[in-house]
């Protein structure tokens, strides 16, 4: 089970959470999905997803190559679980390109 890999604080938290569930006659965590839910509720800040969307929305090429920028945008979309059609993704990508590159692409 994945909880065998926990150490220090995570292990203490996990054991306490299991004990509390048992004390309240709640079912044990039996699946990976349930475990992820419990872990996210405890360790992922409530603003995490909003921060991911904001980061994606404000992403610009900057000093990165076009390929690096695209890969970074793609990773951000995966993390934020953004599902959009190709045209939307292309528009998002083009908006963040540096102006000299954007002029060449739009030519």
C-alpha atoms as a PDB file:
ATOM      1  CA  UNK A   1       0.000   0.000   0.000  1.00  0.00           C
ATOM      2  CA  UNK A   2       1.201   3.518  -0.787  1.00  0.00           C
ATOM      3  CA  UNK A   3       1.005   4.564   2.859  1.00  0.00           C
ATOM      4  CA  UNK A   4       4.029   2.344   3.546  1.00  0.00           C
ATOM      5  CA  UNK A   5       6.105   5.022   1.809  1.00  0.00           C
ATOM      6  CA  UNK A   6       4.969   7.786   4.165  1.00  0.00           C
ATOM      7  CA  UNK A   7       7.462   9.147   6.647  1.00  0.00           C
ATOM      8  CA  UNK A   8       7.549  11.650   9.476  1.00  0.00           C
ATOM      9  CA  UNK A   9       4.599  14.032   9.445  1.00  0.00           C
ATOM     10  CA  UNK A  10       2.698  12.281   6.651  1.00  0.00           C
ATOM     11  CA  UNK A  11       2.867   8.967   8.502  1.00  0.00           C
ATOM     12  CA  UNK A  12       1.716  10.515  11.786  1.00  0.00           C
ATOM     13  CA  UNK A  13      -1.145  12.313   9.990  1.00  0.00           C
ATOM     14  CA  UNK A  14      -2.168   9.120   8.152  1.00  0.00           C
ATOM     15  CA  UNK A  15      -2.271   7.014  11.315  1.00  0.00           C
ATOM     16  CA  UNK A  16      -4.243   9.700  13.166  1.00  0.00           C
ATOM     17  CA  UNK A  17      -6.724  10.026  10.292  1.00  0.00           C
ATOM     18  CA  UNK A  18      -7.254   6.237  10.218  1.00  0.00           C
ATOM     19  CA  UNK A  19      -7.754   6.164  14.000  1.00  0.00           C
ATOM     20  CA  UNK A  20     -10.300   8.997  13.822  1.00  0.00           C
ATOM     21  CA  UNK A  21     -12.226   7.213  11.078  1.00  0.00           C
ATOM     22  CA  UNK A  22     -12.291   4.063  13.184  1.00  0.00           C
ATOM     23  CA  UNK A  23     -13.424   5.974  16.301  1.00  0.00           C
ATOM     24  CA  UNK A  24     -16.304   7.486  14.317  1.00  0.00           C
ATOM     25  CA  UNK A  25     -17.265   4.107  12.821  1.00  0.00           C
ATOM     26  CA  UNK A  26     -16.401   5.320   9.330  1.00  0.00           C
ATOM     27  CA  UNK A  27     -15.238   2.919   6.646  1.00  0.00           C
ATOM     28  CA  UNK A  28     -11.507   2.471   6.206  1.00  0.00           C
ATOM     29  CA  UNK A  29      -9.793   4.039   3.224  1.00  0.00           C
ATOM     30  CA  UNK A  30      -9.862   1.157   0.761  1.00  0.00           C
ATOM     31  CA  UNK A  31      -8.971   2.572  -2.644  1.00  0.00           C
ATOM     32  CA  UNK A  32      -6.340   4.770  -4.219  1.00  0.00           C
ATOM     33  CA  UNK A  33      -9.051   7.280  -5.174  1.00  0.00           C
ATOM     34  CA  UNK A  34     -10.165   7.595  -1.544  1.00  0.00           C
ATOM     35  CA  UNK A  35      -6.564   7.928  -0.392  1.00  0.00           C
ATOM     36  CA  UNK A  36      -5.864  10.694  -2.935  1.00  0.00           C
ATOM     37  CA  UNK A  37      -9.008  12.497  -1.813  1.00  0.00           C
ATOM     38  CA  UNK A  38      -7.942  12.387   1.852  1.00  0.00           C
ATOM     39  CA  UNK A  39      -4.396  13.468   1.042  1.00  0.00           C
ATOM     40  CA  UNK A  40      -5.508  16.345  -1.172  1.00  0.00           C
ATOM     41  CA  UNK A  41      -7.959  17.539   1.445  1.00  0.00           C
ATOM     42  CA  UNK A  42      -5.129  17.704   3.978  1.00  0.00           C
ATOM     43  CA  UNK A  43      -2.053  18.716   2.001  1.00  0.00           C
ATOM     44  CA  UNK A  44      -3.211  20.694  -1.049  1.00  0.00           C
ATOM     45  CA  UNK A  45      -4.157  24.314  -0.305  1.00  0.00           C
ATOM     46  CA  UNK A  46      -7.696  25.304  -1.282  1.00  0.00           C
ATOM     47  CA  UNK A  47      -6.323  27.933  -3.664  1.00  0.00           C
ATOM     48  CA  UNK A  48      -4.026  25.468  -5.476  1.00  0.00           C
ATOM     49  CA  UNK A  49      -6.277  24.936  -8.505  1.00  0.00           C
ATOM     50  CA  UNK A  50      -7.030  28.651  -8.794  1.00  0.00           C
ATOM     51  CA  UNK A  51      -3.288  29.354  -8.711  1.00  0.00           C
ATOM     52  CA  UNK A  52      -2.750  26.809 -11.503  1.00  0.00           C
ATOM     53  CA  UNK A  53      -5.390  28.499 -13.680  1.00  0.00           C
ATOM     54  CA  UNK A  54      -3.941  31.930 -12.966  1.00  0.00           C
ATOM     55  CA  UNK A  55      -0.430  30.760 -13.818  1.00  0.00           C
ATOM     56  CA  UNK A  56      -1.676  29.246 -17.075  1.00  0.00           C
ATOM     57  CA  UNK A  57      -3.683  32.360 -17.937  1.00  0.00           C
ATOM     58  CA  UNK A  58      -0.680  34.638 -17.402  1.00  0.00           C
ATOM     59  CA  UNK A  59       1.932  32.389 -19.011  1.00  0.00           C
ATOM     60  CA  UNK A  60       4.230  34.083 -21.520  1.00  0.00           C
ATOM     61  CA  UNK A  61       7.184  32.861 -23.562  1.00  0.00           C
ATOM     62  CA  UNK A  62       9.663  35.265 -22.001  1.00  0.00           C
ATOM     63  CA  UNK A  63      13.251  33.993 -22.324  1.00  0.00           C
ATOM     64  CA  UNK A  64      12.215  30.420 -23.171  1.00  0.00           C
ATOM     65  CA  UNK A  65      12.445  28.919 -26.609  1.00  0.00           C
ATOM     66  CA  UNK A  66       9.143  28.382 -28.405  1.00  0.00           C
ATOM     67  CA  UNK A  67       9.390  24.652 -27.685  1.00  0.00           C
ATOM     68  CA  UNK A  68      10.147  25.209 -23.977  1.00  0.00           C
ATOM     69  CA  UNK A  69       7.239  27.633 -23.723  1.00  0.00           C
ATOM     70  CA  UNK A  70       4.886  25.141 -25.402  1.00  0.00           C
ATOM     71  CA  UNK A  71       5.983  22.278 -23.136  1.00  0.00           C
ATOM     72  CA  UNK A  72       5.571  24.450 -20.034  1.00  0.00           C
ATOM     73  CA  UNK A  73       2.097  25.510 -21.180  1.00  0.00           C
ATOM     74  CA  UNK A  74       1.165  21.896 -21.876  1.00  0.00           C
ATOM     75  CA  UNK A  75       2.330  20.804 -18.399  1.00  0.00           C
ATOM     76  CA  UNK A  76       0.359  23.641 -16.806  1.00  0.00           C
ATOM     77  CA  UNK A  77      -2.761  22.590 -18.733  1.00  0.00           C
ATOM     78  CA  UNK A  78      -2.350  18.987 -17.569  1.00  0.00           C
ATOM     79  CA  UNK A  79      -1.878  20.039 -13.932  1.00  0.00           C
ATOM     80  CA  UNK A  80      -4.949  22.286 -14.097  1.00  0.00           C
ATOM     81  CA  UNK A  81      -6.903  19.555 -15.935  1.00  0.00           C
ATOM     82  CA  UNK A  82      -7.814  21.976 -18.714  1.00  0.00           C
ATOM     83  CA  UNK A  83      -9.682  20.351 -21.577  1.00  0.00           C
ATOM     84  CA  UNK A  84     -10.140  22.547 -24.625  1.00  0.00           C
ATOM     85  CA  UNK A  85     -10.141  22.096 -28.377  1.00  0.00           C
ATOM     86  CA  UNK A  86      -7.034  22.672 -30.504  1.00  0.00           C
ATOM     87  CA  UNK A  87      -8.122  26.143 -31.608  1.00  0.00           C
ATOM     88  CA  UNK A  88      -8.466  27.340 -28.021  1.00  0.00           C
ATOM     89  CA  UNK A  89      -5.061  25.908 -27.108  1.00  0.00           C
ATOM     90  CA  UNK A  90      -3.490  27.516 -30.180  1.00  0.00           C
ATOM     91  CA  UNK A  91      -5.029  30.886 -29.299  1.00  0.00           C
ATOM     92  CA  UNK A  92      -3.734  30.573 -25.725  1.00  0.00           C
ATOM     93  CA  UNK A  93      -0.275  29.679 -27.050  1.00  0.00           C
ATOM     94  CA  UNK A  94      -0.152  32.542 -29.562  1.00  0.00           C
ATOM     95  CA  UNK A  95      -1.175  35.152 -26.990  1.00  0.00           C
ATOM     96  CA  UNK A  96       1.863  34.295 -24.879  1.00  0.00           C
ATOM     97  CA  UNK A  97       4.444  34.315 -27.662  1.00  0.00           C
ATOM     98  CA  UNK A  98       7.027  37.088 -27.786  1.00  0.00           C
ATOM     99  CA  UNK A  99       6.031  39.779 -30.317  1.00  0.00           C
ATOM    100  CA  UNK A 100       8.778  39.058 -32.908  1.00  0.00           C
ATOM    101  CA  UNK A 101       7.794  35.374 -32.991  1.00  0.00           C
ATOM    102  CA  UNK A 102       4.098  36.225 -33.018  1.00  0.00           C
ATOM    103  CA  UNK A 103       4.586  38.468 -36.079  1.00  0.00           C
ATOM    104  CA  UNK A 104       6.287  35.613 -37.966  1.00  0.00           C
ATOM    105  CA  UNK A 105       3.562  33.117 -37.025  1.00  0.00           C
ATOM    106  CA  UNK A 106       0.757  35.500 -37.984  1.00  0.00           C
ATOM    107  CA  UNK A 107       2.360  36.385 -41.326  1.00  0.00           C
END
